[in-house]
């Protein structure tokens, strides 16, 4: 229990934390039966093992021609036609592949005064029932009713299967920013809760809190990582406590 409960809590605060995070203190700490397999948590779990933030959103493999070891090298074919024709042919040849395309699913919602982004686990199209219940518990602990959901949208990136469309990380950031800016203008939330690794990597955030488009934001483990690893709930609660409504 000591590994999963934030240190320094009074008994009433400890019960508040356990209730908000859906933890039954008398149960053994095992993976929840409804939680996805840990292998699905690549967006969060790979964070400590990868390089710069702009290269880590599960980029699609970039196909390129490679020579197999030991394969005979073909003799170069002499160019045909005049030098001018060869130059014109090279100028019109297709260019190399563009930047790697990130893959992610990002859930966006406005609940009460909170703008919420959550990185969904790999292979998921929509939030799971257990994930939604944990989010309900969290916003309820922050003084917001679960019925106060004002909008919800899920981004599946890349948007298109056409390889000619630029869907690199910069275009992904622009698209997400436009969606969030629309929600901010329409619903005027007060705080951004960023669950998971997608938003920090898109925005190059290196700290667990800051400001985004005029809103204070708090970075938290993804909902689905908290379901898989209950110790992450303590990390989230320590960051959420300043936002909790006094009782």
Protein backbone atom coordinates (compact mmCIF):
# COMPACT_ATOMS: atom_id res chain seq x y z
CA UNK A 1 0.00 0.00 0.00
CA UNK A 2 2.84 2.39 0.80
CA UNK A 3 4.13 2.17 -2.79
CA UNK A 4 0.78 3.19 -4.24
CA UNK A 5 -0.37 5.87 -1.79
CA UNK A 6 1.19 9.37 -1.84
CA UNK A 7 3.28 10.06 1.23
CA UNK A 8 2.25 12.55 3.88
CA UNK A 9 -1.52 12.15 3.59
CA UNK A 10 -3.81 12.41 6.57
CA UNK A 11 -6.31 9.59 7.04
CA UNK A 12 -9.14 11.65 5.53
CA UNK A 13 -6.97 12.66 2.57
CA UNK A 14 -5.91 9.04 2.13
CA UNK A 15 -9.54 7.91 1.95
CA UNK A 16 -10.27 10.74 -0.50
CA UNK A 17 -7.40 9.58 -2.69
CA UNK A 18 -8.47 5.92 -2.58
CA UNK A 19 -12.06 6.85 -3.45
CA UNK A 20 -11.04 9.17 -6.31
CA UNK A 21 -8.73 6.61 -7.88
CA UNK A 22 -11.09 3.65 -7.41
CA UNK A 23 -8.66 1.74 -5.16
CA UNK A 24 -10.03 -0.82 -2.72
CA UNK A 25 -7.38 -0.83 -0.01
CA UNK A 26 -8.08 -4.36 1.20
CA UNK A 27 -7.63 -5.98 -2.20
CA UNK A 28 -4.24 -7.33 -3.33
CA UNK A 29 -2.56 -5.18 -5.99
CA UNK A 30 -2.95 -7.09 -9.23
CA UNK A 31 -3.63 -6.00 -12.82
CA UNK A 32 -7.29 -5.13 -13.15
CA UNK A 33 -9.25 -7.77 -15.08
CA UNK A 34 -10.63 -5.19 -17.54
CA UNK A 35 -7.29 -3.46 -18.14
CA UNK A 36 -5.61 -3.89 -21.55
CA UNK A 37 -2.46 -5.99 -21.75
CA UNK A 38 0.68 -4.01 -20.76
CA UNK A 39 2.05 -4.35 -24.28
CA UNK A 40 -0.53 -1.79 -25.39
CA UNK A 41 1.05 1.00 -23.38
CA UNK A 42 3.85 1.81 -25.75
CA UNK A 43 3.23 5.57 -25.90
CA UNK A 44 3.97 5.98 -22.20
CA UNK A 45 6.24 3.03 -21.51
CA UNK A 46 8.71 3.84 -24.31
CA UNK A 47 9.25 7.39 -23.09
CA UNK A 48 12.33 6.61 -21.00
CA UNK A 49 14.02 4.54 -23.69
CA UNK A 50 13.72 6.74 -26.76
CA UNK A 51 15.39 9.82 -28.12
CA UNK A 52 14.10 13.34 -28.82
CA UNK A 53 10.42 13.98 -28.25
CA UNK A 54 9.69 14.76 -31.88
CA UNK A 55 10.79 11.30 -32.97
CA UNK A 56 8.92 9.09 -30.49
CA UNK A 57 5.24 8.99 -31.37
CA UNK A 58 5.40 5.43 -32.72
CA UNK A 59 6.56 6.50 -36.20
CA UNK A 60 5.50 4.31 -39.07
CA UNK A 61 8.45 2.44 -40.63
CA UNK A 62 9.91 4.35 -43.53
CA UNK A 63 10.36 2.00 -46.48
CA UNK A 64 13.64 2.34 -48.26
CA UNK A 65 15.65 0.20 -50.63
CA UNK A 66 18.51 -1.66 -48.99
CA UNK A 67 21.04 -4.09 -50.39
CA UNK A 68 21.08 -7.54 -48.88
CA UNK A 69 24.48 -8.70 -47.57
CA UNK A 70 26.21 -10.82 -50.11
CA UNK A 71 23.86 -9.90 -52.94
CA UNK A 72 25.63 -9.17 -56.23
CA UNK A 73 25.88 -5.52 -57.12
CA UNK A 74 24.24 -4.91 -60.50
CA UNK A 75 26.33 -3.33 -63.19
CA UNK A 76 25.41 0.33 -63.74
CA UNK A 77 23.30 0.88 -66.83
CA UNK A 78 24.68 3.55 -69.12
CA UNK A 79 22.33 6.53 -69.43
CA UNK A 80 20.43 6.79 -72.67
CA UNK A 81 19.71 9.92 -74.63
CA UNK A 82 21.46 13.27 -74.44
CA UNK A 83 22.77 14.80 -71.17
CA UNK A 84 19.91 17.30 -71.28
CA UNK A 85 17.37 14.46 -71.42
CA UNK A 86 19.06 12.68 -68.52
CA UNK A 87 18.96 15.85 -66.41
CA UNK A 88 15.29 16.41 -67.21
CA UNK A 89 14.49 12.80 -66.32
CA UNK A 90 16.25 13.12 -62.94
CA UNK A 91 14.39 16.33 -62.17
CA UNK A 92 11.02 14.67 -62.71
CA UNK A 93 11.84 11.44 -60.83
CA UNK A 94 9.95 10.86 -57.58
CA UNK A 95 11.71 12.16 -54.50
CA UNK A 96 12.61 10.13 -51.44
CA UNK A 97 10.21 9.39 -48.64
CA UNK A 98 9.20 12.24 -46.33
CA UNK A 99 9.40 12.44 -42.57
CA UNK A 100 8.14 9.47 -40.52
CA UNK A 101 4.42 9.52 -39.77
CA UNK A 102 3.50 9.27 -36.07
CA UNK A 103 0.68 6.96 -35.04
CA UNK A 104 -1.50 7.73 -32.04
CA UNK A 105 -5.06 7.91 -30.78
CA UNK A 106 -5.88 10.95 -28.64
CA UNK A 107 -9.16 11.41 -26.78
CA UNK A 108 -10.27 15.04 -26.31
CA UNK A 109 -13.08 16.14 -24.04
CA UNK A 110 -14.36 19.07 -22.02
CA UNK A 111 -15.83 18.15 -18.64
CA UNK A 112 -16.93 21.09 -16.54
CA UNK A 113 -14.06 23.59 -16.51
CA UNK A 114 -11.49 20.98 -17.54
CA UNK A 115 -10.14 20.40 -21.04
CA UNK A 116 -8.92 16.79 -21.04
CA UNK A 117 -6.58 15.01 -23.44
CA UNK A 118 -5.79 11.32 -22.98
CA UNK A 119 -3.46 9.08 -24.96
CA UNK A 120 -5.33 5.87 -25.71
CA UNK A 121 -3.53 2.55 -25.58
CA UNK A 122 -2.25 1.08 -28.82
CA UNK A 123 -4.99 -0.76 -30.69
CA UNK A 124 -7.88 1.06 -29.00
CA UNK A 125 -10.39 3.09 -31.00
CA UNK A 126 -12.38 4.56 -28.09
CA UNK A 127 -11.93 4.83 -24.30
CA UNK A 128 -12.79 1.60 -22.48
CA UNK A 129 -15.50 1.34 -19.85
CA UNK A 130 -12.94 0.89 -17.07
CA UNK A 131 -10.98 3.89 -18.34
CA UNK A 132 -14.09 6.05 -18.44
CA UNK A 133 -14.97 5.03 -14.89
CA UNK A 134 -11.52 6.02 -13.60
CA UNK A 135 -11.80 9.38 -15.35
CA UNK A 136 -15.25 9.88 -13.80
CA UNK A 137 -13.74 9.22 -10.36
CA UNK A 138 -10.94 11.70 -10.99
CA UNK A 139 -13.13 14.58 -12.19
CA UNK A 140 -15.59 13.89 -9.36
CA UNK A 141 -12.73 14.29 -6.89
CA UNK A 142 -12.03 17.65 -8.55
CA UNK A 143 -15.59 18.77 -7.85
CA UNK A 144 -17.02 18.16 -11.34
CA UNK A 145 -20.08 16.04 -12.04
CA UNK A 146 -19.69 13.20 -14.52
CA UNK A 147 -22.84 14.47 -16.23
CA UNK A 148 -21.09 17.73 -17.11
CA UNK A 149 -19.47 16.34 -20.27
CA UNK A 150 -19.71 19.16 -22.79
CA UNK A 151 -17.99 17.59 -25.79
CA UNK A 152 -15.90 14.58 -26.76
CA UNK A 153 -13.80 13.80 -29.82
CA UNK A 154 -11.20 11.16 -30.67
CA UNK A 155 -8.31 11.82 -33.07
CA UNK A 156 -6.89 8.83 -34.96
CA UNK A 157 -3.57 9.79 -36.51
CA UNK A 158 -2.65 9.52 -39.34
CA UNK A 159 -5.95 10.69 -40.79
CA UNK A 160 -5.37 9.42 -44.33
CA UNK A 161 -3.88 6.32 -45.91
CA UNK A 162 -2.55 8.25 -48.91
CA UNK A 163 1.26 8.26 -48.56
CA UNK A 164 1.47 11.46 -50.60
CA UNK A 165 -0.24 13.47 -47.85
CA UNK A 166 2.11 15.19 -45.39
CA UNK A 167 1.17 13.73 -42.01
CA UNK A 168 4.44 14.20 -40.17
CA UNK A 169 4.71 15.26 -36.56
CA UNK A 170 4.44 18.97 -37.36
CA UNK A 171 1.17 18.47 -39.22
CA UNK A 172 -0.10 16.31 -36.35
CA UNK A 173 0.71 19.08 -33.87
CA UNK A 174 -1.06 21.69 -36.01
CA UNK A 175 -4.17 19.51 -36.32
CA UNK A 176 -4.36 18.79 -32.58
CA UNK A 177 -3.77 22.47 -31.77
CA UNK A 178 -6.63 23.50 -34.05
CA UNK A 179 -9.03 21.06 -32.40
CA UNK A 180 -8.07 22.16 -28.91
CA UNK A 181 -8.23 25.83 -29.86
CA UNK A 182 -11.78 25.25 -31.13
CA UNK A 183 -12.77 23.70 -27.78
CA UNK A 184 -11.12 26.51 -25.84
CA UNK A 185 -12.98 29.19 -27.80
CA UNK A 186 -16.31 27.38 -27.65
CA UNK A 187 -16.37 26.08 -24.06
CA UNK A 188 -13.85 28.34 -22.25
CA UNK A 189 -12.31 25.70 -19.96
CA UNK A 190 -10.04 26.84 -17.14
CA UNK A 191 -7.45 24.04 -16.94
CA UNK A 192 -5.97 21.42 -19.27
CA UNK A 193 -5.43 17.91 -17.89
CA UNK A 194 -3.01 16.09 -20.19
CA UNK A 195 -3.05 12.31 -19.65
CA UNK A 196 -0.33 10.28 -21.34
CA UNK A 197 2.62 10.99 -23.62
CA UNK A 198 1.08 12.22 -26.88
CA UNK A 199 0.54 15.88 -25.97
CA UNK A 200 3.93 16.31 -24.23
CA UNK A 201 5.68 14.84 -27.24
CA UNK A 202 3.74 16.90 -29.75
CA UNK A 203 4.41 20.08 -27.79
CA UNK A 204 7.96 19.23 -26.62
CA UNK A 205 6.93 19.60 -23.01
CA UNK A 206 9.66 18.60 -20.57
CA UNK A 207 7.97 19.55 -17.28
CA UNK A 208 4.82 18.08 -15.66
CA UNK A 209 3.01 21.41 -15.77
CA UNK A 210 2.99 24.71 -17.62
CA UNK A 211 0.78 26.84 -19.85
CA UNK A 212 -0.88 25.93 -23.12
CA UNK A 213 -2.78 28.47 -25.22
CA UNK A 214 -3.51 30.59 -22.15
CA UNK A 215 -4.53 27.63 -19.96
CA UNK A 216 -2.54 26.12 -17.10
CA UNK A 217 -1.92 22.46 -17.83
CA UNK A 218 -1.00 19.49 -15.66
CA UNK A 219 0.72 16.41 -17.10
CA UNK A 220 -0.46 13.02 -15.82
CA UNK A 221 0.07 9.33 -16.62
CA UNK A 222 -2.39 8.02 -19.18
CA UNK A 223 -5.66 6.60 -17.87
CA UNK A 224 -4.80 3.19 -19.27
CA UNK A 225 -1.33 3.17 -17.77
CA UNK A 226 -2.91 3.88 -14.38
CA UNK A 227 -5.21 0.91 -14.90
CA UNK A 228 -2.23 -1.32 -15.65
CA UNK A 229 0.11 0.08 -12.99
CA UNK A 230 -1.72 1.30 -9.84
CA UNK A 231 1.45 3.07 -8.62
CA UNK A 232 0.88 5.63 -11.38
CA UNK A 233 -2.32 6.67 -9.60
CA UNK A 234 -0.22 8.05 -6.75
CA UNK A 235 1.83 10.07 -9.25
CA UNK A 236 -1.36 11.48 -10.76
CA UNK A 237 -2.95 12.25 -7.40
CA UNK A 238 0.07 14.21 -6.14
CA UNK A 239 -0.25 16.48 -9.19
CA UNK A 240 -4.04 16.75 -8.96
CA UNK A 241 -4.28 17.55 -5.25
CA UNK A 242 -3.83 21.33 -5.72
CA UNK A 243 -6.88 21.28 -8.03
CA UNK A 244 -9.13 19.28 -5.71
CA UNK A 245 -12.06 21.16 -4.24
CA UNK A 246 -11.85 21.55 -0.44
CA UNK A 247 -14.38 19.48 1.49
